[in-house]
């Protein structure tokens, strides 16, 4: 696969959410969302970006934002066999373009933190989280 074979889009219209959910599960990047919940997560985001090759999603990312000063980068993923080809870097670049003047925060596992540092992200003192109710409760 050449980089010219990759198409980037900010549309959720033609995404096969069932196939994407299966691929994420197989790639050990699944947090338990159903295809419907995954689609809803992206539909409710400030900005999204998908990397496609032959119509299949090979990378994705999204940001949550107040549109003024704070944004949160989440769900950044590249299909494991296609990593280290600049796909995630391009997704972050495209999403960041839509966040001018905003503080972009993210949470990353230690094994990928260097990737984000290379993109200009700096370590923050501490991050905390809390789940209200049961994780991924169906509505």
C-alpha atoms as a PDB file:
ATOM      1  CA  UNK A   1       0.000   0.000   0.000  1.00  0.00           C
ATOM      2  CA  UNK A   2       1.273   3.449  -0.941  1.00  0.00           C
ATOM      3  CA  UNK A   3       0.355   6.648   0.886  1.00  0.00           C
ATOM      4  CA  UNK A   4      -1.411   7.732  -2.311  1.00  0.00           C
ATOM      5  CA  UNK A   5      -3.806   4.796  -1.800  1.00  0.00           C
ATOM      6  CA  UNK A   6      -5.088   6.365   1.441  1.00  0.00           C
ATOM      7  CA  UNK A   7      -8.087   8.688   1.396  1.00  0.00           C
ATOM      8  CA  UNK A   8      -8.878  10.861   4.428  1.00  0.00           C
ATOM      9  CA  UNK A   9     -12.414  11.940   5.180  1.00  0.00           C
ATOM     10  CA  UNK A  10     -14.294  13.807   7.874  1.00  0.00           C
ATOM     11  CA  UNK A  11     -17.609  12.188   6.958  1.00  0.00           C
ATOM     12  CA  UNK A  12     -19.238   9.379   8.908  1.00  0.00           C
ATOM     13  CA  UNK A  13     -21.755   8.724   6.117  1.00  0.00           C
ATOM     14  CA  UNK A  14     -20.103   5.751   4.424  1.00  0.00           C
ATOM     15  CA  UNK A  15     -18.419   4.102   7.410  1.00  0.00           C
ATOM     16  CA  UNK A  16     -19.260   0.424   7.924  1.00  0.00           C
ATOM     17  CA  UNK A  17     -19.569   0.527  11.721  1.00  0.00           C
ATOM     18  CA  UNK A  18     -20.001  -3.249  12.116  1.00  0.00           C
ATOM     19  CA  UNK A  19     -16.819  -3.990  10.182  1.00  0.00           C
ATOM     20  CA  UNK A  20     -14.936  -1.234  12.009  1.00  0.00           C
ATOM     21  CA  UNK A  21     -16.050  -2.558  15.410  1.00  0.00           C
ATOM     22  CA  UNK A  22     -14.908  -6.058  14.434  1.00  0.00           C
ATOM     23  CA  UNK A  23     -11.557  -4.754  13.197  1.00  0.00           C
ATOM     24  CA  UNK A  24     -11.012  -2.767  16.410  1.00  0.00           C
ATOM     25  CA  UNK A  25     -11.807  -5.846  18.492  1.00  0.00           C
ATOM     26  CA  UNK A  26      -9.393  -7.981  16.437  1.00  0.00           C
ATOM     27  CA  UNK A  27      -6.733  -5.272  16.797  1.00  0.00           C
ATOM     28  CA  UNK A  28      -7.149  -5.161  20.608  1.00  0.00           C
ATOM     29  CA  UNK A  29      -8.486  -1.582  20.448  1.00  0.00           C
ATOM     30  CA  UNK A  30     -12.005  -2.280  21.620  1.00  0.00           C
ATOM     31  CA  UNK A  31     -13.565  -0.626  24.646  1.00  0.00           C
ATOM     32  CA  UNK A  32     -16.859  -2.457  24.427  1.00  0.00           C
ATOM     33  CA  UNK A  33     -18.911  -0.078  22.295  1.00  0.00           C
ATOM     34  CA  UNK A  34     -21.427  -1.619  19.949  1.00  0.00           C
ATOM     35  CA  UNK A  35     -21.398  -0.481  16.318  1.00  0.00           C
ATOM     36  CA  UNK A  36     -24.345   1.822  17.118  1.00  0.00           C
ATOM     37  CA  UNK A  37     -22.532   3.322  20.128  1.00  0.00           C
ATOM     38  CA  UNK A  38     -19.335   3.778  18.112  1.00  0.00           C
ATOM     39  CA  UNK A  39     -21.242   5.609  15.390  1.00  0.00           C
ATOM     40  CA  UNK A  40     -22.970   7.775  17.997  1.00  0.00           C
ATOM     41  CA  UNK A  41     -19.606   8.630  19.579  1.00  0.00           C
ATOM     42  CA  UNK A  42     -18.305   9.903  16.248  1.00  0.00           C
ATOM     43  CA  UNK A  43     -21.574  11.628  15.314  1.00  0.00           C
ATOM     44  CA  UNK A  44     -21.491  13.595  18.580  1.00  0.00           C
ATOM     45  CA  UNK A  45     -17.876  14.728  18.140  1.00  0.00           C
ATOM     46  CA  UNK A  46     -16.635  18.208  17.261  1.00  0.00           C
ATOM     47  CA  UNK A  47     -14.430  16.831  14.466  1.00  0.00           C
ATOM     48  CA  UNK A  48     -13.617  13.380  13.096  1.00  0.00           C
ATOM     49  CA  UNK A  49     -11.140  11.943  10.649  1.00  0.00           C
ATOM     50  CA  UNK A  50     -10.986   8.529   9.012  1.00  0.00           C
ATOM     51  CA  UNK A  51      -8.202   7.042   6.892  1.00  0.00           C
ATOM     52  CA  UNK A  52      -9.576   4.704   4.233  1.00  0.00           C
ATOM     53  CA  UNK A  53      -7.911   2.290   1.856  1.00  0.00           C
ATOM     54  CA  UNK A  54     -10.129   0.610  -0.733  1.00  0.00           C
ATOM     55  CA  UNK A  55     -13.130   1.780   1.290  1.00  0.00           C
ATOM     56  CA  UNK A  56     -12.013   0.091   4.520  1.00  0.00           C
ATOM     57  CA  UNK A  57     -11.198   2.125   7.631  1.00  0.00           C
ATOM     58  CA  UNK A  58      -7.511   1.739   8.458  1.00  0.00           C
ATOM     59  CA  UNK A  59      -7.255   4.672  10.863  1.00  0.00           C
ATOM     60  CA  UNK A  60      -9.505   6.990  12.821  1.00  0.00           C
ATOM     61  CA  UNK A  61      -9.594   9.744  15.391  1.00  0.00           C
ATOM     62  CA  UNK A  62     -11.934  12.338  16.802  1.00  0.00           C
ATOM     63  CA  UNK A  63     -11.969  15.373  19.054  1.00  0.00           C
ATOM     64  CA  UNK A  64     -14.423  16.686  21.581  1.00  0.00           C
ATOM     65  CA  UNK A  65     -14.344  20.457  21.923  1.00  0.00           C
ATOM     66  CA  UNK A  66     -16.158  23.459  23.321  1.00  0.00           C
ATOM     67  CA  UNK A  67     -15.200  25.265  20.106  1.00  0.00           C
ATOM     68  CA  UNK A  68     -13.449  28.014  22.043  1.00  0.00           C
ATOM     69  CA  UNK A  69     -10.464  26.951  24.104  1.00  0.00           C
ATOM     70  CA  UNK A  70     -10.519  23.276  25.136  1.00  0.00           C
ATOM     71  CA  UNK A  71     -10.444  20.087  23.095  1.00  0.00           C
ATOM     72  CA  UNK A  72      -9.864  16.440  23.891  1.00  0.00           C
ATOM     73  CA  UNK A  73      -8.324  14.042  21.352  1.00  0.00           C
ATOM     74  CA  UNK A  74      -9.755  10.525  21.597  1.00  0.00           C
ATOM     75  CA  UNK A  75     -10.087   7.267  19.690  1.00  0.00           C
ATOM     76  CA  UNK A  76      -6.895   7.644  17.657  1.00  0.00           C
ATOM     77  CA  UNK A  77      -6.157   4.302  16.036  1.00  0.00           C
ATOM     78  CA  UNK A  78      -4.252   2.896  13.086  1.00  0.00           C
ATOM     79  CA  UNK A  79      -4.643  -0.734  12.043  1.00  0.00           C
ATOM     80  CA  UNK A  80      -1.598  -2.476  13.512  1.00  0.00           C
ATOM     81  CA  UNK A  81      -0.082  -3.828  10.249  1.00  0.00           C
ATOM     82  CA  UNK A  82      -0.176  -0.270   8.833  1.00  0.00           C
ATOM     83  CA  UNK A  83       1.415   1.599  11.727  1.00  0.00           C
ATOM     84  CA  UNK A  84       4.567   3.717  11.334  1.00  0.00           C
ATOM     85  CA  UNK A  85       3.476   5.005   7.918  1.00  0.00           C
ATOM     86  CA  UNK A  86       2.302   8.454   9.030  1.00  0.00           C
ATOM     87  CA  UNK A  87      -1.421   7.674   9.079  1.00  0.00           C
ATOM     88  CA  UNK A  88      -2.053   8.650  12.723  1.00  0.00           C
ATOM     89  CA  UNK A  89       0.204  11.685  12.325  1.00  0.00           C
ATOM     90  CA  UNK A  90      -1.907  12.857   9.376  1.00  0.00           C
ATOM     91  CA  UNK A  91      -5.153  12.254  11.285  1.00  0.00           C
ATOM     92  CA  UNK A  92      -3.852  14.344  14.217  1.00  0.00           C
ATOM     93  CA  UNK A  93      -2.713  17.075  11.813  1.00  0.00           C
ATOM     94  CA  UNK A  94      -6.110  17.252  10.126  1.00  0.00           C
ATOM     95  CA  UNK A  95      -7.993  17.300  13.429  1.00  0.00           C
ATOM     96  CA  UNK A  96      -5.642  19.904  14.914  1.00  0.00           C
ATOM     97  CA  UNK A  97      -6.260  22.244  11.965  1.00  0.00           C
ATOM     98  CA  UNK A  98      -9.861  22.521  13.165  1.00  0.00           C
ATOM     99  CA  UNK A  99      -8.795  23.500  16.701  1.00  0.00           C
ATOM    100  CA  UNK A 100      -6.876  26.750  16.204  1.00  0.00           C
ATOM    101  CA  UNK A 101      -6.300  28.544  19.514  1.00  0.00           C
ATOM    102  CA  UNK A 102      -7.492  25.610  21.580  1.00  0.00           C
ATOM    103  CA  UNK A 103      -5.710  23.588  24.254  1.00  0.00           C
ATOM    104  CA  UNK A 104      -5.756  19.968  23.036  1.00  0.00           C
ATOM    105  CA  UNK A 105      -5.603  17.379  25.794  1.00  0.00           C
ATOM    106  CA  UNK A 106      -5.304  13.614  25.477  1.00  0.00           C
ATOM    107  CA  UNK A 107      -4.671  10.577  27.594  1.00  0.00           C
ATOM    108  CA  UNK A 108      -2.172   8.047  26.296  1.00  0.00           C
ATOM    109  CA  UNK A 109      -0.682   4.786  27.447  1.00  0.00           C
ATOM    110  CA  UNK A 110       3.033   4.950  28.234  1.00  0.00           C
ATOM    111  CA  UNK A 111       3.982   2.882  25.169  1.00  0.00           C
ATOM    112  CA  UNK A 112       2.625   5.537  22.771  1.00  0.00           C
ATOM    113  CA  UNK A 113       3.407   8.724  24.699  1.00  0.00           C
ATOM    114  CA  UNK A 114       6.587   9.348  22.670  1.00  0.00           C
ATOM    115  CA  UNK A 115       4.508   9.431  19.472  1.00  0.00           C
ATOM    116  CA  UNK A 116       2.478  12.332  20.859  1.00  0.00           C
ATOM    117  CA  UNK A 117       5.559  14.114  22.188  1.00  0.00           C
ATOM    118  CA  UNK A 118       6.980  14.064  18.644  1.00  0.00           C
ATOM    119  CA  UNK A 119       3.810  15.845  17.526  1.00  0.00           C
ATOM    120  CA  UNK A 120       4.365  18.642  20.051  1.00  0.00           C
ATOM    121  CA  UNK A 121       2.267  17.409  22.951  1.00  0.00           C
ATOM    122  CA  UNK A 122       3.782  17.895  26.404  1.00  0.00           C
ATOM    123  CA  UNK A 123       3.339  15.910  29.573  1.00  0.00           C
ATOM    124  CA  UNK A 124       0.674  17.210  31.940  1.00  0.00           C
ATOM    125  CA  UNK A 125       1.017  16.813  35.690  1.00  0.00           C
ATOM    126  CA  UNK A 126      -1.900  14.457  36.239  1.00  0.00           C
ATOM    127  CA  UNK A 127      -5.086  13.182  34.703  1.00  0.00           C
ATOM    128  CA  UNK A 128      -8.032  11.792  36.596  1.00  0.00           C
ATOM    129  CA  UNK A 129     -11.220  10.074  35.480  1.00  0.00           C
ATOM    130  CA  UNK A 130     -14.486   8.782  36.838  1.00  0.00           C
ATOM    131  CA  UNK A 131     -17.312   6.688  35.403  1.00  0.00           C
ATOM    132  CA  UNK A 132     -20.816   7.714  36.445  1.00  0.00           C
ATOM    133  CA  UNK A 133     -23.110   4.713  36.766  1.00  0.00           C
ATOM    134  CA  UNK A 134     -22.200   1.598  34.807  1.00  0.00           C
ATOM    135  CA  UNK A 135     -19.664   1.811  31.945  1.00  0.00           C
ATOM    136  CA  UNK A 136     -21.392   1.970  28.531  1.00  0.00           C
ATOM    137  CA  UNK A 137     -24.889   1.567  29.866  1.00  0.00           C
ATOM    138  CA  UNK A 138     -27.358   1.087  26.988  1.00  0.00           C
ATOM    139  CA  UNK A 139     -29.900   3.875  26.642  1.00  0.00           C
END
